Amino acid sequence: MKILDQVEDASPAVSYAGLIERIEILRSTLRWSSRLERADIEKLLRQASSLRDEVMQLSHKERFVQAVAEPVRVDQSRGARRQALLERSFIFEGTFGDNPKLLEALEIAEKAAPTDLPVLIDGESGTGKELMAKVIHANGGRADKPFISVNCGAIPENLLESELFGHKKGAFTGASNDRKGKFESAHTGTIFLDEIGELPLQGQVKLLRVLESHEIQRVGSDEAIAVDTRIVAATNRNLRRLSEEGRFREDLFYRLSVIHVTLPPLRERRDEIPLLLQWFGDEAAGALKRRPIRLTPRLRDFLLTYAYPGNIRELRNVIYRISCLAGDIADVDHLPVDVRPVSLAGSGLNASAAADSVLLAGSNATAGVSSLLSLSDAKRAASDEAEKAFLERGLHEVGGTVAELARRVDMNRSHLQMLLKKHGLHSKDFRNHAAARGARAKDDLDDADADTADAN
């Protein structure tokens, strides 16, 4: 219990972060302690959860005093910058590491959080954009108000206006009663518009009007309803390029990106992977009500070097899978088949064939392998080269049709798309090649027919 009482004399700016950190340590340590009775452990866990909830509700004004008084020094080391965020009581999940690009994003979020300015978060799928939106909400003046999440890409276009702004009874077939929309539900709080790049142009016009007037109208009603909502949007697409192509309104882009936060992909922040493995391992153990899984050196080495095209979301799903399927110790054969090293995935290439395919690729591949740091890196490079060769061959065979290739190799299409992106392969290149090959074949056939006609 002393661990919870040590922070009473600390200054407010440090006490919040210190208390949260101690609570999380307590939760992680006590959950699997063999020295206490289960009833005692559960009691302490409930107390820790209750205290954490109380901290989240404390005065935001006090929490930001230190942030205003001590601006970030750009000459700090990565570890010092991360610790400075903690000491200024900027609340963020422990899964965040100290990658320079990530720290820059966190520091922008820290300064934007206490304001009501719109924030646009971009980054690849699975990099933690919604988590960052929740971090911004939790550190702002609306933390005790609603946080409403909307996936713009999942709403049918004909229901978009009703979903966002609500409708009146009888406005359309099936509208049996009045219904509040997402903006009304988020009144005084934060609305998170995920996948904003998927919003159709008609919806973009209506969203722009809300941003300008701070009013909405329910479908079937002429009454204007004032809404006070903080907007945080996220996308994995390049909105500036979409606006140049006419597929996203330029004025809406500038309205949303007053504060612009970019999250780097997991492959650019590998120092965070060990922390994530521990974090999700404890989380999966708690969900499955078992002890945290142990990883063999071979599996841990693979997880530390894997490219993670699905980013943090993919890593989390992998940890949950192996925590469920393995006993006390997990190895590479507990990984999904399409994630395992090629030599283990039964893809038609054994380990020696995979290595041979790399060695035969030319002097560049040989030079690449010779410069690697370890045998595991060499094995991983061989696996990646074999995987890329397999995908290239498959795309040639199907003329660049991703859906057909996914069907032939019995692979989920979205995962196949991520693998293609990982290796820099574009299906349209293979379609163009197939079309050019077809055109050449047709020209050859026409020439042959012409020669036959001349001979006759």
Protein backbone atom coordinates (compact mmCIF):
# COMPACT_ATOMS: atom_id res chain seq x y z
CA MET A 1 0.00 0.00 0.00
CA LYS A 2 2.94 2.36 0.52
CA ILE A 3 3.38 2.66 -3.21
CA LEU A 4 0.06 4.46 -3.40
CA ASP A 5 0.75 6.81 -0.50
CA GLN A 6 4.19 8.11 -1.46
CA VAL A 7 2.98 10.86 -3.78
CA GLU A 8 0.98 12.97 -1.32
CA ASP A 9 3.79 15.45 -0.70
CA ALA A 10 4.84 15.76 -4.31
CA SER A 11 4.15 18.88 -6.33
CA PRO A 12 0.91 18.76 -8.38
CA ALA A 13 2.73 18.79 -11.72
CA VAL A 14 4.69 15.63 -10.86
CA SER A 15 2.14 13.86 -8.66
CA TYR A 16 -0.37 13.09 -11.39
CA ALA A 17 2.11 11.38 -13.71
CA GLY A 18 3.89 9.72 -10.79
CA LEU A 19 0.67 8.35 -9.35
CA ILE A 20 -0.50 7.00 -12.71
CA GLU A 21 2.87 5.36 -13.30
CA ARG A 22 2.85 3.73 -9.86
CA ILE A 23 -0.71 2.50 -10.36
CA GLU A 24 0.19 0.86 -13.67
CA ILE A 25 3.26 -0.76 -12.09
CA LEU A 26 1.05 -1.99 -9.26
CA ARG A 27 -1.49 -3.47 -11.67
CA SER A 28 1.19 -5.24 -13.72
CA THR A 29 3.07 -6.55 -10.67
CA LEU A 30 0.18 -7.73 -8.54
CA ARG A 31 -1.90 -9.38 -11.22
CA TRP A 32 0.34 -12.46 -11.24
CA SER A 33 1.85 -12.26 -7.76
CA SER A 34 2.11 -15.67 -6.07
CA ARG A 35 2.70 -14.16 -2.64
CA LEU A 36 -0.82 -12.81 -2.12
CA GLU A 37 -4.22 -14.42 -1.97
CA ARG A 38 -6.36 -13.89 -5.05
CA ALA A 39 -8.96 -11.95 -3.04
CA ASP A 40 -6.26 -9.50 -1.89
CA ILE A 41 -4.97 -9.10 -5.44
CA GLU A 42 -8.45 -8.36 -6.79
CA LYS A 43 -9.06 -5.84 -4.01
CA LEU A 44 -5.84 -3.98 -4.81
CA LEU A 45 -6.58 -4.02 -8.52
CA ARG A 46 -10.01 -2.49 -7.91
CA GLN A 47 -8.42 0.16 -5.72
CA ALA A 48 -5.82 0.93 -8.40
CA SER A 49 -8.51 1.27 -11.08
CA SER A 50 -10.56 3.55 -8.85
CA LEU A 51 -7.57 5.79 -8.12
CA ARG A 52 -6.66 6.01 -11.79
CA ASP A 53 -10.22 7.11 -12.62
CA GLU A 54 -10.02 9.78 -9.90
CA VAL A 55 -6.75 11.13 -11.29
CA MET A 56 -8.25 11.40 -14.78
CA GLN A 57 -11.01 13.61 -13.38
CA LEU A 58 -8.73 16.00 -11.48
CA SER A 59 -8.33 19.64 -12.44
CA HIS A 60 -6.88 19.99 -15.94
CA LYS A 61 -5.85 23.52 -15.12
CA GLU A 62 -3.38 22.28 -12.50
CA ARG A 63 -2.07 19.57 -14.81
CA PHE A 64 -1.08 22.11 -17.46
CA VAL A 65 0.60 24.65 -15.14
CA GLN A 66 3.95 22.91 -15.43
CA ALA A 67 3.61 22.49 -19.22
CA VAL A 68 3.17 26.24 -19.65
CA ALA A 69 5.93 27.15 -17.21
CA GLU A 70 8.56 24.85 -18.71
CA PRO A 71 8.58 24.79 -22.53
CA VAL A 72 10.20 21.83 -24.26
CA ARG A 73 13.94 22.15 -24.88
CA VAL A 74 14.86 20.93 -28.35
CA ASP A 75 18.37 19.92 -27.22
CA GLN A 76 17.08 17.20 -24.89
CA SER A 77 17.90 13.55 -25.52
CA ARG A 78 15.06 11.24 -26.54
CA GLY A 79 14.82 9.68 -23.09
CA ALA A 80 14.88 13.10 -21.42
CA ARG A 81 12.14 14.41 -23.73
CA ARG A 82 9.94 11.42 -22.94
CA GLN A 83 10.55 11.84 -19.20
CA ALA A 84 9.78 15.55 -19.49
CA LEU A 85 6.37 14.71 -20.94
CA LEU A 86 5.70 12.46 -17.94
CA GLU A 87 6.86 15.07 -15.46
CA ARG A 88 4.64 17.70 -17.04
CA SER A 89 1.75 15.27 -16.41
CA PHE A 90 0.94 14.78 -20.07
CA ILE A 91 -1.09 11.59 -19.82
CA PHE A 92 -0.33 9.03 -22.51
CA GLU A 93 -0.36 5.25 -22.67
CA GLY A 94 2.81 3.42 -21.66
CA THR A 95 3.10 1.87 -25.11
CA PHE A 96 4.63 5.04 -26.51
CA GLY A 97 8.40 4.87 -26.95
CA ASP A 98 10.99 7.59 -27.45
CA ASN A 99 11.37 7.62 -31.23
CA PRO A 100 12.20 11.22 -32.31
CA LYS A 101 9.30 11.46 -34.79
CA LEU A 102 6.90 10.03 -32.22
CA LEU A 103 8.13 12.42 -29.53
CA GLU A 104 7.62 15.31 -31.92
CA ALA A 105 4.04 14.16 -32.51
CA LEU A 106 3.44 13.84 -28.75
CA GLU A 107 4.82 17.30 -28.08
CA ILE A 108 2.54 18.80 -30.76
CA ALA A 109 -0.38 16.92 -29.21
CA GLU A 110 0.57 18.18 -25.75
CA LYS A 111 0.40 21.81 -26.88
CA ALA A 112 -2.80 21.28 -28.88
CA ALA A 113 -4.69 19.28 -26.25
CA PRO A 114 -5.80 22.16 -23.95
CA THR A 115 -7.11 24.13 -26.95
CA ASP A 116 -10.24 23.57 -29.04
CA LEU A 117 -8.40 23.71 -32.37
CA PRO A 118 -9.16 20.97 -34.94
CA VAL A 119 -6.49 18.28 -35.18
CA LEU A 120 -5.69 16.08 -38.17
CA ILE A 121 -3.76 12.87 -37.43
CA ASP A 122 -2.29 10.94 -40.33
CA GLY A 123 -0.26 7.77 -40.57
CA GLU A 124 -0.47 4.24 -41.90
CA SER A 125 -3.24 1.92 -40.80
CA GLY A 126 -2.60 0.51 -37.35
CA THR A 127 -0.16 3.18 -36.11
CA GLY A 128 -2.39 4.25 -33.21
CA LYS A 129 -4.28 7.24 -34.61
CA GLU A 130 -7.38 6.64 -32.49
CA LEU A 131 -5.22 6.17 -29.40
CA MET A 132 -3.55 9.51 -30.13
CA ALA A 133 -7.01 11.11 -30.49
CA LYS A 134 -7.95 9.74 -27.07
CA VAL A 135 -4.68 11.06 -25.64
CA ILE A 136 -5.51 14.55 -26.94
CA HIS A 137 -9.02 14.31 -25.51
CA ALA A 138 -7.80 13.02 -22.11
CA ASN A 139 -5.34 15.90 -21.76
CA GLY A 140 -7.77 18.66 -22.74
CA GLY A 141 -10.45 20.60 -20.94
CA ARG A 142 -13.15 18.22 -22.25
CA ALA A 143 -11.70 15.01 -20.75
CA ASP A 144 -14.78 14.43 -18.59
CA LYS A 145 -17.10 14.99 -21.57
CA PRO A 146 -18.09 12.49 -24.30
CA PHE A 147 -15.56 11.09 -26.77
CA ILE A 148 -17.51 9.91 -29.82
CA SER A 149 -15.73 7.89 -32.52
CA VAL A 150 -17.05 7.71 -36.10
CA ASN A 151 -15.62 5.57 -38.91
CA CYS A 152 -16.42 7.66 -41.97
CA GLY A 153 -15.53 4.81 -44.32
CA ALA A 154 -18.04 2.41 -42.75
CA ILE A 155 -21.18 4.57 -43.15
CA PRO A 156 -23.28 4.04 -46.33
CA GLU A 157 -23.53 7.29 -48.29
CA ASN A 158 -27.34 7.36 -48.09
CA LEU A 159 -27.20 7.15 -44.28
CA LEU A 160 -24.28 9.52 -43.74
CA GLU A 161 -26.27 12.65 -42.95
CA SER A 162 -28.59 10.82 -40.58
CA GLU A 163 -25.66 9.15 -38.81
CA LEU A 164 -23.75 12.40 -38.29
CA PHE A 165 -26.59 14.87 -37.69
CA GLY A 166 -29.58 12.73 -36.67
CA HIS A 167 -33.12 12.74 -38.07
CA LYS A 168 -36.71 13.60 -37.20
CA LYS A 169 -39.45 11.04 -36.94
CA GLY A 170 -40.91 10.31 -40.39
CA ALA A 171 -38.02 11.95 -42.26
CA PHE A 172 -37.63 8.78 -44.35
CA THR A 173 -38.85 5.22 -44.42
CA GLY A 174 -37.83 3.51 -41.22
CA ALA A 175 -37.42 6.72 -39.18
CA SER A 176 -39.89 5.69 -36.49
CA ASN A 177 -38.69 8.23 -33.92
CA ASP A 178 -36.38 11.20 -33.42
CA ARG A 179 -32.70 10.28 -33.28
CA LYS A 180 -29.63 12.24 -32.21
CA GLY A 181 -26.63 12.16 -34.50
CA LYS A 182 -22.98 11.75 -33.58
CA PHE A 183 -22.37 15.52 -33.41
CA GLU A 184 -25.19 16.03 -30.92
CA SER A 185 -23.93 13.08 -28.85
CA ALA A 186 -20.47 14.68 -28.78
CA HIS A 187 -21.80 18.09 -27.67
CA THR A 188 -19.30 19.75 -25.25
CA GLY A 189 -16.94 16.82 -25.91
CA THR A 190 -14.78 15.50 -28.77
CA ILE A 191 -15.82 13.82 -32.01
CA PHE A 192 -13.20 11.61 -33.67
CA LEU A 193 -13.71 11.30 -37.44
CA ASP A 194 -11.67 8.26 -38.43
CA GLU A 195 -10.87 7.55 -42.10
CA ILE A 196 -11.92 11.09 -43.03
CA GLY A 197 -10.41 10.58 -46.48
CA GLU A 198 -13.20 8.10 -47.27
CA LEU A 199 -15.92 10.72 -46.73
CA PRO A 200 -17.82 11.35 -50.00
CA LEU A 201 -17.84 14.87 -51.43
CA GLN A 202 -21.46 15.48 -50.43
CA GLY A 203 -20.61 14.62 -46.83
CA GLN A 204 -17.54 16.87 -46.99
CA VAL A 205 -19.74 19.84 -47.91
CA LYS A 206 -22.04 19.23 -44.94
CA LEU A 207 -19.11 18.74 -42.57
CA LEU A 208 -17.56 22.01 -43.74
CA ARG A 209 -20.80 23.82 -42.98
CA VAL A 210 -20.76 22.45 -39.43
CA LEU A 211 -17.17 23.57 -38.93
CA GLU A 212 -18.03 27.08 -40.11
CA SER A 213 -21.36 27.61 -38.36
CA HIS A 214 -21.12 25.24 -35.35
CA GLU A 215 -24.71 24.22 -36.11
CA ILE A 216 -26.35 21.08 -37.44
CA GLN A 217 -29.78 20.27 -38.81
CA ARG A 218 -31.39 16.89 -38.37
CA VAL A 219 -32.66 15.20 -41.51
CA GLY A 220 -36.29 16.26 -42.02
CA SER A 221 -36.02 19.34 -39.78
CA ASP A 222 -35.44 23.04 -40.46
CA GLU A 223 -34.37 23.74 -36.88
CA ALA A 224 -30.71 24.64 -36.39
CA ILE A 225 -29.11 23.01 -33.35
CA ALA A 226 -25.93 24.57 -31.91
CA VAL A 227 -23.13 22.11 -31.21
CA ASP A 228 -19.94 22.78 -29.28
CA THR A 229 -17.68 19.94 -30.39
CA ARG A 230 -13.91 19.52 -30.62
CA ILE A 231 -13.04 17.82 -33.92
CA VAL A 232 -10.15 15.38 -34.26
CA ALA A 233 -9.86 13.65 -37.65
CA ALA A 234 -7.59 10.85 -38.84
CA THR A 235 -6.62 9.34 -42.17
CA ASN A 236 -4.13 6.92 -43.70
CA ARG A 237 -4.31 8.74 -47.03
CA ASN A 238 -2.58 11.86 -48.36
CA LEU A 239 -5.38 14.45 -48.16
CA ARG A 240 -3.30 17.14 -49.82
CA ARG A 241 -2.84 14.92 -52.87
CA LEU A 242 -6.53 13.97 -52.84
CA SER A 243 -7.47 17.65 -52.78
CA GLU A 244 -5.20 18.30 -55.77
CA GLU A 245 -6.97 15.46 -57.59
CA GLY A 246 -10.39 16.92 -56.74
CA ARG A 247 -11.41 14.03 -54.47
CA PHE A 248 -11.19 15.98 -51.21
CA ARG A 249 -12.24 19.57 -50.68
CA GLU A 250 -9.24 21.82 -50.23
CA ASP A 251 -11.11 24.21 -47.91
CA LEU A 252 -12.10 21.29 -45.67
CA PHE A 253 -8.51 20.04 -45.59
CA TYR A 254 -7.27 23.40 -44.32
CA ARG A 255 -10.11 23.56 -41.79
CA LEU A 256 -9.23 20.15 -40.36
CA SER A 257 -5.44 20.48 -40.37
CA VAL A 258 -4.99 23.53 -38.16
CA ILE A 259 -2.91 21.18 -36.00
CA HIS A 260 -1.30 18.39 -38.04
CA VAL A 261 0.14 15.32 -36.28
CA THR A 262 1.92 12.54 -38.20
CA LEU A 263 2.49 9.13 -36.59
CA PRO A 264 5.48 7.16 -37.95
CA PRO A 265 4.97 3.47 -38.86
CA LEU A 266 6.21 0.81 -36.47
CA ARG A 267 9.09 -0.17 -38.77
CA GLU A 268 10.54 3.33 -38.13
CA ARG A 269 10.26 3.00 -34.34
CA ARG A 270 11.65 -0.47 -33.67
CA ASP A 271 12.94 0.61 -30.25
CA GLU A 272 9.29 0.53 -29.19
CA ILE A 273 8.70 -3.13 -30.13
CA PRO A 274 10.15 -4.69 -26.90
CA LEU A 275 7.94 -2.37 -24.85
CA LEU A 276 4.91 -3.27 -26.95
CA LEU A 277 5.61 -6.99 -26.61
CA GLN A 278 5.60 -6.64 -22.83
CA TRP A 279 2.56 -4.35 -22.82
CA PHE A 280 0.37 -6.50 -25.06
CA GLY A 281 1.64 -9.68 -23.42
CA ASP A 282 0.33 -8.47 -20.05
CA GLU A 283 -2.86 -7.20 -21.66
CA ALA A 284 -3.53 -10.53 -23.43
CA ALA A 285 -2.78 -12.46 -20.23
CA GLY A 286 -5.33 -10.38 -18.35
CA ALA A 287 -7.98 -10.87 -21.03
CA LEU A 288 -7.35 -14.63 -21.20
CA LYS A 289 -6.96 -14.97 -17.40
CA ARG A 290 -3.60 -16.71 -17.57
CA ARG A 291 0.04 -15.98 -16.94
CA PRO A 292 1.90 -13.91 -19.54
CA ILE A 293 3.28 -16.07 -22.32
CA ARG A 294 7.03 -16.64 -22.63
CA LEU A 295 8.69 -16.32 -26.03
CA THR A 296 11.44 -18.54 -27.36
CA PRO A 297 14.59 -16.67 -28.49
CA ARG A 298 13.76 -17.62 -32.08
CA LEU A 299 10.24 -16.15 -31.88
CA ARG A 300 11.38 -13.03 -30.02
CA ASP A 301 14.09 -12.45 -32.63
CA PHE A 302 11.50 -12.77 -35.39
CA LEU A 303 9.05 -10.38 -33.68
CA LEU A 304 11.80 -7.79 -33.20
CA THR A 305 12.77 -7.83 -36.90
CA TYR A 306 9.41 -8.40 -38.64
CA ALA A 307 8.27 -5.50 -40.86
CA TYR A 308 4.67 -5.28 -39.46
CA PRO A 309 2.78 -3.98 -42.50
CA GLY A 310 -0.24 -3.74 -40.18
CA ASN A 311 1.81 -1.78 -37.62
CA ILE A 312 0.86 -1.80 -33.93
CA ARG A 313 -2.54 -3.35 -34.58
CA GLU A 314 -0.91 -6.34 -36.29
CA LEU A 315 1.60 -6.77 -33.47
CA ARG A 316 -1.20 -6.73 -30.90
CA ASN A 317 -3.22 -9.31 -32.81
CA VAL A 318 -0.18 -11.57 -33.15
CA ILE A 319 0.50 -11.41 -29.40
CA TYR A 320 -3.13 -12.21 -28.59
CA ARG A 321 -3.03 -15.16 -31.02
CA ILE A 322 0.10 -16.75 -29.62
CA SER A 323 -1.08 -16.09 -26.04
CA CYS A 324 -4.24 -18.05 -26.84
CA LEU A 325 -2.73 -20.92 -28.83
CA ALA A 326 0.54 -21.58 -27.01
CA GLY A 327 1.04 -23.22 -23.63
CA ASP A 328 3.61 -21.63 -21.35
CA ILE A 329 6.10 -20.99 -24.16
CA ALA A 330 5.35 -19.70 -27.68
CA ASP A 331 7.45 -20.40 -30.77
CA VAL A 332 7.31 -19.35 -34.45
CA ASP A 333 4.92 -22.20 -35.31
CA HIS A 334 2.25 -20.39 -33.25
CA LEU A 335 2.38 -17.44 -35.68
CA PRO A 336 -0.23 -17.10 -38.46
CA VAL A 337 0.81 -19.12 -41.51
CA ASP A 338 1.07 -16.04 -43.74
CA VAL A 339 3.32 -14.29 -41.22
CA ARG A 340 5.78 -17.09 -40.46
CA PRO A 341 9.18 -17.19 -42.16
CA VAL A 342 8.79 -18.67 -45.64
CA SER A 343 10.68 -21.82 -44.68
CA LEU A 344 8.02 -22.56 -42.05
CA ALA A 345 4.92 -21.32 -43.83
CA GLY A 346 4.61 -24.18 -46.32
CA SER A 347 4.66 -21.78 -49.25
CA GLY A 348 6.30 -24.31 -51.55
CA LEU A 349 9.87 -23.15 -50.81
CA ASN A 350 12.05 -24.86 -48.22
CA ALA A 351 14.80 -23.06 -46.35
CA SER A 352 17.58 -24.03 -48.76
CA ALA A 353 15.49 -23.09 -51.79
CA ALA A 354 14.71 -19.71 -50.27
CA ALA A 355 18.39 -19.11 -49.62
CA ASP A 356 19.30 -20.28 -53.13
CA SER A 357 16.76 -17.90 -54.69
CA VAL A 358 18.47 -15.00 -52.94
CA LEU A 359 21.98 -16.07 -53.88
CA LEU A 360 20.94 -16.43 -57.53
CA ALA A 361 19.33 -12.97 -57.56
CA GLY A 362 22.70 -11.36 -58.32
CA SER A 363 25.61 -9.57 -56.79
CA ASN A 364 23.40 -6.92 -55.14
CA ALA A 365 21.61 -9.51 -53.04
CA THR A 366 24.95 -11.12 -52.11
CA ALA A 367 26.37 -7.80 -51.04
CA GLY A 368 23.23 -7.09 -49.01
CA VAL A 369 23.50 -10.39 -47.10
CA SER A 370 27.23 -9.99 -46.46
CA SER A 371 26.66 -6.63 -44.79
CA LEU A 372 24.03 -7.90 -42.33
CA LEU A 373 24.81 -7.93 -38.63
CA SER A 374 23.77 -11.47 -37.68
CA LEU A 375 22.69 -14.86 -38.97
CA SER A 376 19.09 -14.07 -38.03
CA ASP A 377 19.24 -10.94 -40.20
CA ALA A 378 20.53 -13.03 -43.10
CA LYS A 379 17.71 -15.53 -42.66
CA ARG A 380 15.18 -12.72 -42.51
CA ALA A 381 16.59 -11.15 -45.70
CA ALA A 382 16.39 -14.50 -47.49
CA SER A 383 12.79 -14.90 -46.33
CA ASP A 384 11.85 -11.42 -47.53
CA GLU A 385 13.49 -11.92 -50.93
CA ALA A 386 11.74 -15.25 -51.41
CA GLU A 387 8.43 -13.70 -50.37
CA LYS A 388 8.85 -10.85 -52.83
CA ALA A 389 9.79 -13.24 -55.65
CA PHE A 390 6.72 -15.35 -54.88
CA LEU A 391 4.43 -12.30 -55.04
CA GLU A 392 5.99 -11.00 -58.27
CA ARG A 393 5.59 -14.38 -59.94
CA GLY A 394 1.97 -14.60 -58.78
CA LEU A 395 1.12 -11.09 -60.03
CA HIS A 396 2.63 -11.90 -63.43
CA GLU A 397 0.50 -15.06 -63.64
CA VAL A 398 -2.79 -13.25 -62.82
CA GLY A 399 -2.03 -10.12 -64.83
CA GLY A 400 -1.91 -7.88 -61.75
CA THR A 401 -5.36 -8.87 -60.41
CA VAL A 402 -4.96 -8.84 -56.63
CA ALA A 403 -8.32 -10.50 -55.92
CA GLU A 404 -7.44 -13.45 -58.19
CA LEU A 405 -4.00 -13.84 -56.62
CA ALA A 406 -5.53 -13.81 -53.11
CA ARG A 407 -7.95 -16.55 -54.21
CA ARG A 408 -5.19 -18.69 -55.71
CA VAL A 409 -2.92 -18.54 -52.68
CA ASP A 410 -5.82 -18.71 -50.20
CA MET A 411 -4.87 -15.45 -48.48
CA ASN A 412 -6.94 -12.62 -47.07
CA ARG A 413 -7.00 -9.83 -49.66
CA SER A 414 -6.26 -7.03 -47.18
CA HIS A 415 -3.24 -8.90 -45.84
CA LEU A 416 -2.04 -9.53 -49.39
CA GLN A 417 -2.32 -5.78 -50.08
CA MET A 418 -0.17 -5.08 -47.02
CA LEU A 419 2.47 -7.58 -48.21
CA LEU A 420 2.54 -5.92 -51.64
CA LYS A 421 2.96 -2.54 -49.99
CA LYS A 422 5.72 -3.92 -47.77
CA HIS A 423 7.73 -4.98 -50.84
CA GLY A 424 6.89 -1.90 -52.93
CA LEU A 425 4.91 -3.90 -55.51
CA HIS A 426 2.09 -2.19 -57.42
CA SER A 427 -0.54 -4.32 -59.12
CA LYS A 428 -1.06 -1.70 -61.86
CA ASP A 429 2.55 -2.21 -63.02
CA PHE A 430 1.78 -5.85 -63.69
CA ARG A 431 -1.53 -4.96 -65.35
CA ASN A 432 0.29 -2.52 -67.65
CA HIS A 433 2.90 -5.18 -68.40
CA ALA A 434 0.18 -7.73 -69.21
CA ALA A 435 -1.60 -5.21 -71.45
CA ALA A 436 1.62 -4.37 -73.26
CA ARG A 437 2.37 -8.05 -73.71
CA GLY A 438 -1.13 -8.59 -75.09
CA ALA A 439 -0.71 -5.66 -77.48
CA ARG A 440 2.59 -7.07 -78.73
CA ALA A 441 1.01 -10.48 -79.23
CA LYS A 442 -1.81 -8.88 -81.21
CA ASP A 443 0.68 -6.96 -83.37
CA ASP A 444 2.61 -10.17 -84.03
CA LEU A 445 -0.61 -11.92 -85.00
CA ASP A 446 -1.59 -9.08 -87.33
CA ASP A 447 1.86 -9.18 -88.94
CA ALA A 448 1.54 -12.93 -89.42
CA ASP A 449 -1.88 -12.51 -91.02
CA ALA A 450 -0.49 -9.82 -93.31
CA ASP A 451 2.40 -12.03 -94.35
CA THR A 452 -0.02 -14.87 -95.10
CA ALA A 453 -2.20 -12.58 -97.22
CA ASP A 454 0.83 -11.37 -99.18
CA ALA A 455 1.93 -14.92 -99.81
CA ASN A 456 -1.48 -15.82 -101.16
